[in-house]
Amino acid sequence: MANIVIKSSDVTGETIQNGDAVEVTIKGHAAVDGAPKVADTTLKELEALKTVEGLLELEIKQNGQVIKTVYAVPADFAKFLPDEKVKALRGNKGRAPGYSPVRNGN
């Protein structure tokens, strides 16, 4: 016995042919409680959505807690903090540039 899965678009309600389905994870939508949601659709349907690509995601923390996430255009961010300075920053795990637990004997 075999199971057949037929997907339908959450956008149009139409049946999605095998191999054409894509999942879109929706994060930070005001209509939900903060938990990401997943919509089934197709790349063709997504063409109708106006999107913005190439933005930098900036997670802003205060006292160790994320207080907000914002997005910036890379050219504008480079005016705020030049690429050379960004390259020299510590990683988000707190390690100094060039430090490795393996190379530094830990």
Protein backbone atom coordinates (compact mmCIF):
# COMPACT_ATOMS: atom_id res chain seq x y z
CA MET A 1 0.00 0.00 0.00
CA ALA A 2 1.26 3.51 -0.79
CA ASN A 3 0.27 6.90 0.50
CA ILE A 4 -0.24 9.71 -1.97
CA VAL A 5 0.27 13.24 -0.74
CA ILE A 6 -1.54 15.98 -2.62
CA LYS A 7 -0.49 19.47 -1.63
CA SER A 8 -2.64 22.51 -2.16
CA SER A 9 -1.50 26.11 -2.10
CA ASP A 10 -2.22 28.05 1.06
CA VAL A 11 -2.27 31.14 -1.18
CA THR A 12 -4.67 30.12 -3.97
CA GLY A 13 -6.08 26.81 -2.79
CA GLU A 14 -5.07 25.18 -6.08
CA THR A 15 -3.44 21.74 -6.23
CA ILE A 16 0.35 21.91 -6.45
CA GLN A 17 1.97 19.51 -8.91
CA ASN A 18 4.73 17.18 -7.68
CA GLY A 19 8.06 18.97 -7.46
CA ASP A 20 6.57 22.49 -7.66
CA ALA A 21 5.80 22.93 -3.96
CA VAL A 22 7.85 25.28 -1.81
CA GLU A 23 7.47 26.07 1.88
CA VAL A 24 7.63 29.66 3.07
CA THR A 25 8.46 30.12 6.75
CA ILE A 26 6.81 33.27 8.06
CA LYS A 27 8.56 34.87 11.03
CA GLY A 28 7.56 37.90 13.06
CA HIS A 29 4.08 38.35 11.60
CA ALA A 30 1.86 40.55 13.78
CA ALA A 31 -1.17 38.28 13.28
CA VAL A 32 0.41 35.34 15.14
CA ASP A 33 1.81 34.87 18.63
CA GLY A 34 5.45 34.94 17.55
CA ALA A 35 5.76 31.29 16.57
CA PRO A 36 6.85 30.89 12.93
CA LYS A 37 4.21 29.62 10.50
CA VAL A 38 4.70 27.68 7.26
CA ALA A 39 2.75 28.26 4.04
CA ASP A 40 2.75 25.87 1.08
CA THR A 41 2.90 27.63 -2.28
CA THR A 42 4.85 27.64 -5.56
CA LEU A 43 7.67 29.79 -6.93
CA LYS A 44 5.26 31.03 -9.62
CA GLU A 45 2.78 32.22 -6.98
CA LEU A 46 5.60 33.93 -5.07
CA GLU A 47 6.38 36.07 -8.12
CA ALA A 48 3.31 38.17 -7.21
CA LEU A 49 4.84 39.10 -3.83
CA LYS A 50 6.91 42.27 -3.66
CA THR A 51 10.06 41.34 -1.74
CA VAL A 52 13.31 42.93 -0.65
CA GLU A 53 16.54 40.96 -0.84
CA GLY A 54 20.05 41.62 0.31
CA LEU A 55 19.21 43.27 3.63
CA LEU A 56 21.31 42.81 6.75
CA GLU A 57 19.49 41.39 9.78
CA LEU A 58 20.46 43.17 12.98
CA GLU A 59 19.49 41.57 16.30
CA ILE A 60 19.53 44.18 19.05
CA LYS A 61 20.13 42.94 22.61
CA GLN A 62 20.12 44.73 25.92
CA ASN A 63 21.19 42.99 29.13
CA GLY A 64 21.43 39.71 27.20
CA GLN A 65 17.82 39.86 25.95
CA VAL A 66 16.78 40.45 22.35
CA ILE A 67 14.73 43.64 22.36
CA LYS A 68 14.16 43.86 18.60
CA THR A 69 15.30 42.74 15.17
CA VAL A 70 15.71 45.30 12.40
CA TYR A 71 16.89 45.19 8.81
CA ALA A 72 19.29 47.57 7.07
CA VAL A 73 20.47 48.23 3.53
CA PRO A 74 24.16 47.14 3.38
CA ALA A 75 25.33 50.47 1.91
CA ASP A 76 23.63 52.41 4.70
CA PHE A 77 25.06 50.09 7.34
CA ALA A 78 28.56 50.54 5.86
CA LYS A 79 28.23 54.28 6.49
CA PHE A 80 27.34 53.51 10.12
CA LEU A 81 30.03 50.82 10.64
CA PRO A 82 32.58 50.33 7.81
CA ASP A 83 33.34 46.83 6.50
CA GLU A 84 36.91 46.94 7.87
CA LYS A 85 35.58 47.41 11.39
CA VAL A 86 32.94 44.70 10.94
CA LYS A 87 35.65 42.19 9.94
CA ALA A 88 37.55 42.91 13.18
CA LEU A 89 34.53 42.41 15.51
CA ARG A 90 34.19 39.40 17.82
CA GLY A 91 31.87 36.58 16.78
CA ASN A 92 28.43 36.13 18.31
CA LYS A 93 29.84 33.36 20.52
CA GLY A 94 32.06 35.96 22.21
CA ARG A 95 35.37 34.77 20.76
CA ALA A 96 37.98 37.32 19.80
CA PRO A 97 39.00 37.39 16.11
CA GLY A 98 41.61 34.71 15.42
CA TYR A 99 40.87 32.73 18.60
CA SER A 100 40.25 29.01 18.28
CA PRO A 101 39.72 26.63 21.20
CA VAL A 102 41.63 23.99 19.22
CA ARG A 103 44.58 26.18 18.22
CA ASN A 104 44.76 27.95 21.57
CA GLY A 105 45.00 24.73 23.59
CA ASN A 106 41.57 24.41 25.18
